N, C-alpha and C. Protein backbone atom coordinates (compact mmCIF):
# COMPACT_ATOMS: atom_id res chain seq x y z
N UNK A 1 -40.18 3.63 -28.51
CA UNK A 1 -39.49 5.23 -29.02
C UNK A 1 -38.06 5.44 -29.06
N UNK A 2 -37.80 6.20 -29.92
CA UNK A 2 -36.99 6.67 -30.06
C UNK A 2 -35.35 6.90 -29.29
N UNK A 3 -33.93 6.58 -29.18
CA UNK A 3 -33.19 6.73 -28.39
C UNK A 3 -32.84 8.24 -27.44
N UNK A 4 -33.09 8.62 -28.95
CA UNK A 4 -32.54 10.42 -28.48
C UNK A 4 -33.91 10.49 -27.34
N UNK A 5 -35.57 10.09 -28.07
CA UNK A 5 -36.22 11.56 -27.18
C UNK A 5 -36.87 10.05 -25.36
N UNK A 6 -35.81 9.09 -25.23
CA UNK A 6 -35.96 8.27 -23.72
C UNK A 6 -34.56 8.90 -23.35
N UNK A 7 -33.70 9.17 -24.16
CA UNK A 7 -32.12 10.26 -23.32
C UNK A 7 -33.19 11.84 -22.41
N UNK A 8 -34.09 12.57 -23.37
CA UNK A 8 -34.47 13.23 -23.20
C UNK A 8 -35.35 13.43 -21.84
N UNK A 9 -36.51 12.00 -21.55
CA UNK A 9 -37.41 11.77 -20.61
C UNK A 9 -36.65 12.23 -19.06
N UNK A 10 -35.64 10.66 -19.77
CA UNK A 10 -35.17 10.23 -18.21
C UNK A 10 -33.92 11.61 -17.95
N UNK A 11 -33.26 12.50 -18.55
CA UNK A 11 -33.41 13.98 -18.70
C UNK A 11 -34.09 14.79 -17.88
N UNK A 12 -35.36 14.49 -18.51
CA UNK A 12 -35.62 15.67 -17.13
C UNK A 12 -37.04 15.59 -16.37
N UNK A 13 -37.09 13.86 -16.07
CA UNK A 13 -36.90 13.40 -14.86
C UNK A 13 -36.07 14.25 -13.96
N UNK A 14 -34.44 13.24 -14.42
CA UNK A 14 -33.96 14.08 -13.20
C UNK A 14 -33.92 15.61 -12.86
N UNK A 15 -33.98 16.40 -12.95
CA UNK A 15 -34.39 17.49 -13.67
C UNK A 15 -35.22 18.32 -13.14
N UNK A 16 -36.16 17.58 -13.22
CA UNK A 16 -38.00 17.48 -11.96
C UNK A 16 -37.89 18.11 -10.75
N UNK A 17 -38.33 19.25 -10.44
CA UNK A 17 -37.32 19.81 -8.93
C UNK A 17 -38.20 18.24 -8.12
N UNK A 18 -39.15 18.20 -8.12
CA UNK A 18 -40.42 17.26 -7.17
C UNK A 18 -39.05 15.59 -7.18
N UNK A 19 -38.17 15.82 -7.97
CA UNK A 19 -37.82 14.33 -8.33
C UNK A 19 -36.42 14.85 -7.70
N UNK A 20 -36.05 15.94 -7.23
CA UNK A 20 -34.70 15.96 -6.47
C UNK A 20 -34.20 15.32 -5.50
N UNK A 21 -33.74 14.91 -4.89
CA UNK A 21 -32.55 14.12 -3.84
C UNK A 21 -32.67 12.88 -3.80
N UNK A 22 -34.03 11.82 -4.50
CA UNK A 22 -34.38 11.23 -4.89
C UNK A 22 -33.19 9.72 -4.68
N UNK A 23 -32.48 10.33 -6.43
CA UNK A 23 -31.32 9.77 -7.46
C UNK A 23 -30.22 9.46 -5.70
N UNK A 24 -29.29 9.02 -6.42
CA UNK A 24 -27.78 8.91 -5.80
C UNK A 24 -27.22 9.72 -6.06
N UNK A 25 -25.92 9.99 -4.87
CA UNK A 25 -25.22 11.24 -4.53
C UNK A 25 -24.13 10.99 -4.11
N UNK A 26 -23.13 11.49 -5.44
CA UNK A 26 -22.25 12.23 -5.75
C UNK A 26 -21.13 11.59 -4.92
N UNK A 27 -19.92 10.86 -4.19
CA UNK A 27 -18.77 11.64 -3.61
C UNK A 27 -18.15 13.69 -3.31
N UNK A 28 -18.32 14.57 -2.50
CA UNK A 28 -17.55 15.69 -2.59
C UNK A 28 -15.60 15.50 -3.64
N UNK A 29 -15.86 16.40 -4.27
CA UNK A 29 -14.77 16.81 -5.12
C UNK A 29 -13.70 16.43 -3.99
N UNK A 30 -14.09 16.91 -2.75
CA UNK A 30 -13.01 17.67 -1.92
C UNK A 30 -13.29 16.42 -0.58
N UNK A 31 -13.28 14.82 -0.44
CA UNK A 31 -14.03 14.32 0.40
C UNK A 31 -13.20 14.01 1.39
N UNK A 32 -13.68 13.93 2.41
CA UNK A 32 -12.54 13.98 4.50
C UNK A 32 -12.96 12.63 3.80
N UNK A 33 -11.90 11.99 4.80
CA UNK A 33 -11.15 10.62 5.18
C UNK A 33 -12.80 10.13 5.73
N UNK A 34 -13.64 10.58 6.18
CA UNK A 34 -14.79 10.09 7.17
C UNK A 34 -16.27 9.84 6.08
N UNK A 35 -16.00 10.00 4.98
CA UNK A 35 -16.72 10.67 3.85
C UNK A 35 -16.23 9.20 3.06
N UNK A 36 -15.32 9.67 2.52
CA UNK A 36 -14.73 8.45 1.86
C UNK A 36 -15.59 7.16 2.09
N UNK A 37 -14.66 6.78 3.55
CA UNK A 37 -15.54 6.01 3.92
C UNK A 37 -16.66 5.11 4.06
N UNK A 38 -17.23 6.25 4.14
CA UNK A 38 -18.96 6.52 4.35
C UNK A 38 -19.49 5.67 3.82
N UNK A 39 -19.39 6.32 2.07
CA UNK A 39 -19.56 5.90 0.33
C UNK A 39 -18.88 4.82 0.56
N UNK A 40 -17.67 4.22 0.73
CA UNK A 40 -17.43 3.33 -0.11
C UNK A 40 -18.14 2.15 1.40
N UNK A 41 -18.83 1.98 2.49
CA UNK A 41 -19.32 1.30 3.08
C UNK A 41 -21.00 0.91 2.26
N UNK A 42 -21.23 2.78 2.25
CA UNK A 42 -22.93 2.71 1.78
C UNK A 42 -22.44 1.46 0.33
N UNK A 43 -21.40 1.12 -0.48
CA UNK A 43 -20.69 0.50 -1.72
C UNK A 43 -21.00 -0.88 -1.42
N UNK A 44 -20.35 -0.97 -0.05
CA UNK A 44 -19.97 -2.58 0.02
C UNK A 44 -21.66 -3.38 0.64
N UNK A 45 -22.52 -2.12 1.36
CA UNK A 45 -23.75 -2.97 1.57
C UNK A 45 -24.70 -2.80 -0.23
N UNK A 46 -25.04 -2.06 -0.79
CA UNK A 46 -25.33 -1.93 -1.78
C UNK A 46 -24.89 -3.67 -2.55
N UNK A 47 -23.17 -3.87 -2.53
CA UNK A 47 -23.42 -4.68 -3.55
C UNK A 47 -23.54 -6.48 -2.09
N UNK A 48 -23.46 -5.91 -1.92
CA UNK A 48 -24.23 -6.99 -0.80
C UNK A 48 -26.06 -7.52 -1.37
N UNK A 49 -26.89 -5.94 -1.37
CA UNK A 49 -28.04 -6.87 -1.98
C UNK A 49 -28.15 -7.56 -2.88
N UNK A 50 -26.72 -6.21 -4.22
CA UNK A 50 -26.91 -6.97 -5.55
C UNK A 50 -26.32 -8.39 -5.41
N UNK A 51 -25.29 -9.09 -4.71
CA UNK A 51 -25.05 -10.37 -5.37
C UNK A 51 -25.92 -11.30 -4.18
N UNK A 52 -26.95 -11.72 -3.37
CA UNK A 52 -27.81 -12.00 -2.64
C UNK A 52 -29.44 -11.38 -3.28
N UNK A 53 -29.11 -10.20 -4.39
CA UNK A 53 -30.01 -10.38 -4.60
C UNK A 53 -31.71 -10.22 -4.47
N UNK A 54 -31.61 -9.14 -2.94
CA UNK A 54 -31.81 -8.21 -2.00
C UNK A 54 -33.06 -8.05 -1.69
N UNK A 55 -34.24 -7.01 -2.24
CA UNK A 55 -35.59 -6.46 -2.46
C UNK A 55 -34.53 -4.61 -1.31
N UNK A 56 -34.88 -3.61 -1.35
CA UNK A 56 -34.96 -3.00 -0.48
C UNK A 56 -36.01 -3.17 0.41
N UNK A 57 -37.27 -3.61 -0.02
CA UNK A 57 -38.07 -3.90 1.58
C UNK A 57 -37.08 -4.12 2.01
N UNK A 58 -36.71 -6.04 1.75
CA UNK A 58 -36.00 -7.14 2.75
C UNK A 58 -34.36 -6.70 2.70
N UNK A 59 -33.86 -5.57 2.69
CA UNK A 59 -32.38 -5.74 2.93
C UNK A 59 -33.25 -4.77 4.61
N UNK A 60 -34.29 -3.75 4.16
CA UNK A 60 -34.68 -3.04 5.28
C UNK A 60 -34.79 -3.95 6.13
N UNK A 61 -35.25 -5.09 6.32
CA UNK A 61 -35.97 -5.92 7.62
C UNK A 61 -34.97 -6.55 7.92
N UNK A 62 -33.44 -7.03 7.49
CA UNK A 62 -32.96 -7.32 7.94
C UNK A 62 -31.44 -5.94 8.33
N UNK A 63 -31.44 -5.54 7.90
CA UNK A 63 -30.66 -4.27 9.14
C UNK A 63 -31.08 -3.28 9.90
N UNK A 64 -32.76 -3.29 9.88
CA UNK A 64 -34.28 -3.22 11.01
C UNK A 64 -33.91 -1.92 11.07
N UNK A 65 -34.04 -1.07 9.77
CA UNK A 65 -34.33 0.18 10.00
C UNK A 65 -35.22 -0.06 8.31
N UNK A 66 -35.77 1.25 8.24
CA UNK A 66 -37.20 2.53 7.48
C UNK A 66 -36.69 1.38 5.79
N UNK A 67 -37.06 1.45 5.11
CA UNK A 67 -36.90 1.68 3.62
C UNK A 67 -36.23 3.46 3.57
N UNK A 68 -37.63 3.77 3.91
CA UNK A 68 -36.15 5.09 3.35
C UNK A 68 -35.12 5.13 4.00
N UNK A 69 -34.41 5.20 5.14
CA UNK A 69 -33.27 5.04 5.79
C UNK A 69 -32.66 3.80 5.25
N UNK A 70 -32.89 2.59 4.89
CA UNK A 70 -31.96 1.96 4.30
C UNK A 70 -32.19 2.48 2.41
N UNK A 71 -32.87 3.03 1.63
CA UNK A 71 -32.65 4.05 0.05
C UNK A 71 -31.28 4.84 0.67
N UNK A 72 -30.95 5.47 1.61
CA UNK A 72 -30.13 7.13 2.04
C UNK A 72 -29.52 6.46 1.42
N UNK A 73 -28.47 4.82 2.45
CA UNK A 73 -27.58 4.61 2.67
C UNK A 73 -27.35 3.23 0.52
N UNK A 74 -28.32 3.02 0.76
CA UNK A 74 -28.85 2.08 -0.85
C UNK A 74 -28.04 3.32 -2.38
N UNK A 75 -28.31 4.44 -1.81
CA UNK A 75 -28.02 5.04 -3.12
C UNK A 75 -27.18 6.26 -2.26
N UNK A 76 -26.92 5.77 -1.09
CA UNK A 76 -25.29 6.81 -0.80
C UNK A 76 -24.90 8.16 -0.47
N UNK A 77 -26.48 8.23 0.87
CA UNK A 77 -26.49 9.70 0.28
C UNK A 77 -26.07 10.01 2.40
N UNK A 78 -24.65 10.44 2.15
CA UNK A 78 -23.29 10.00 3.08
C UNK A 78 -23.81 11.48 3.84
N UNK A 79 -23.98 12.07 3.33
CA UNK A 79 -24.89 13.10 4.53
C UNK A 79 -25.83 12.69 5.51
N UNK A 80 -26.69 12.38 5.30
CA UNK A 80 -27.45 11.21 5.74
C UNK A 80 -27.57 11.11 7.32
N UNK A 81 -26.89 10.61 8.00
CA UNK A 81 -25.79 9.82 8.32
C UNK A 81 -24.28 10.24 9.06
N UNK A 82 -24.27 9.54 9.84
CA UNK A 82 -23.13 9.69 10.57
C UNK A 82 -21.49 7.91 10.68
N UNK A 83 -21.07 7.70 10.21
CA UNK A 83 -19.42 6.66 10.24
C UNK A 83 -19.82 5.95 11.17
N UNK A 84 -20.52 6.51 12.78
CA UNK A 84 -20.92 5.23 13.36
C UNK A 84 -21.51 4.84 13.16
N UNK A 85 -22.66 5.09 12.72
CA UNK A 85 -24.31 4.08 12.75
C UNK A 85 -24.53 3.86 11.41
N UNK A 86 -23.40 4.84 10.08
CA UNK A 86 -23.28 3.21 9.08
C UNK A 86 -22.20 1.76 9.67
N UNK A 87 -21.59 2.30 9.92
CA UNK A 87 -20.39 1.12 10.80
C UNK A 87 -22.13 0.07 11.67
N UNK A 88 -22.33 0.29 12.45
CA UNK A 88 -23.44 -0.09 12.76
C UNK A 88 -24.17 -1.11 11.53
N UNK A 89 -25.08 -0.39 11.30
CA UNK A 89 -25.58 -1.00 9.71
C UNK A 89 -25.31 -2.07 9.29
N UNK A 90 -23.63 -1.86 9.30
CA UNK A 90 -23.07 -2.77 7.96
C UNK A 90 -23.10 -4.60 8.94
N UNK A 91 -22.06 -3.66 10.61
CA UNK A 91 -21.94 -4.62 11.47
C UNK A 91 -22.96 -6.11 11.33
N UNK A 92 -24.32 -5.53 11.18
CA UNK A 92 -25.40 -6.31 10.85
C UNK A 92 -25.92 -7.29 9.84
N UNK A 93 -24.89 -6.89 8.80
CA UNK A 93 -24.69 -7.55 7.19
C UNK A 93 -23.35 -8.85 7.12
N UNK A 94 -22.14 -7.93 8.09
CA UNK A 94 -20.65 -8.92 8.08
C UNK A 94 -20.17 -8.25 9.11
N UNK A 95 -20.98 -8.89 9.96
CA UNK A 95 -20.62 -9.90 11.67
C UNK A 95 -19.56 -10.82 10.86
N UNK A 96 -18.39 -11.44 11.66
CA UNK A 96 -17.99 -10.24 12.42
C UNK A 96 -17.55 -9.22 11.02
N UNK A 97 -17.61 -8.45 11.15
CA UNK A 97 -16.98 -6.89 10.35
C UNK A 97 -16.07 -5.95 11.39
N UNK A 98 -14.79 -6.15 10.53
CA UNK A 98 -13.51 -5.10 10.92
C UNK A 98 -12.86 -3.53 9.54
N UNK A 99 -12.64 -2.52 10.11
CA UNK A 99 -13.00 -1.19 9.43
C UNK A 99 -11.34 -1.80 9.35
N UNK A 100 -10.63 -0.90 8.65
CA UNK A 100 -8.85 -1.03 8.81
C UNK A 100 -9.13 0.75 7.72
N UNK A 101 -7.77 0.40 8.80
CA UNK A 101 -7.92 2.26 7.45
C UNK A 101 -6.13 2.59 7.47
N UNK A 102 -5.82 1.70 5.94
CA UNK A 102 -4.61 2.60 5.76
C UNK A 102 -3.91 4.11 5.37
N UNK A 103 -3.15 3.97 6.15
CA UNK A 103 -2.25 5.43 5.24
C UNK A 103 -0.92 5.51 5.25
N UNK A 104 -1.24 6.49 4.50
CA UNK A 104 0.32 6.56 3.17
C UNK A 104 0.79 7.86 3.13
N UNK A 105 2.35 7.78 2.68
CA UNK A 105 2.58 9.30 2.24
C UNK A 105 2.13 10.03 1.67
N UNK A 106 0.74 9.67 0.03
CA UNK A 106 0.97 11.08 -0.31
C UNK A 106 -0.89 10.86 -0.08
N UNK A 107 -0.94 12.58 -0.49
CA UNK A 107 -2.28 13.12 -0.49
C UNK A 107 -3.54 11.98 -0.07
N UNK A 108 -4.05 11.71 -1.05
CA UNK A 108 -5.02 10.89 -1.87
C UNK A 108 -4.88 9.29 -1.09
N UNK A 109 -4.15 8.97 -0.16
CA UNK A 109 -3.94 8.05 0.31
C UNK A 109 -4.52 7.31 1.02
N UNK A 110 -5.61 8.45 2.06
CA UNK A 110 -5.42 7.50 2.82
C UNK A 110 -7.20 7.47 2.74
N UNK A 111 -7.99 6.51 2.76
CA UNK A 111 -8.73 6.13 3.13
C UNK A 111 -8.73 4.80 4.10
N UNK A 112 -10.48 4.49 3.97
CA UNK A 112 -10.58 3.67 4.82
C UNK A 112 -10.84 2.14 4.06
N UNK A 113 -11.34 0.55 4.31
CA UNK A 113 -11.74 -0.25 3.52
C UNK A 113 -11.81 -1.32 4.61
N UNK A 114 -13.62 -2.08 4.55
CA UNK A 114 -14.41 -2.59 4.53
C UNK A 114 -13.35 -3.72 4.54
N UNK A 115 -13.55 -5.00 5.53
CA UNK A 115 -13.06 -6.08 5.56
C UNK A 115 -13.74 -7.15 5.94
């Protein structure tokens, strides 16, 4: 299949109403510190999955969630859960886990990072 046709097919699938909500969600443009932290935690959890070459099913068992709940985390659907909930999930993978908040003078310097 030519490259343009592949792209067109992928675009049609992405725009199909039955597929809305199945993909990764982007971080809002004016994200709050909590949203940024949840997004970063989701990325760390996804990185863990990739680093250990684990399937979604194996990840779900490892963090004691359903596959749907696990996919919400892996696709950064941050509106689906609270920061507390996500921190508890992350602690199952990264124990002992610690969250650090770094506060600076610049507008965009407030963020959290997992260590």
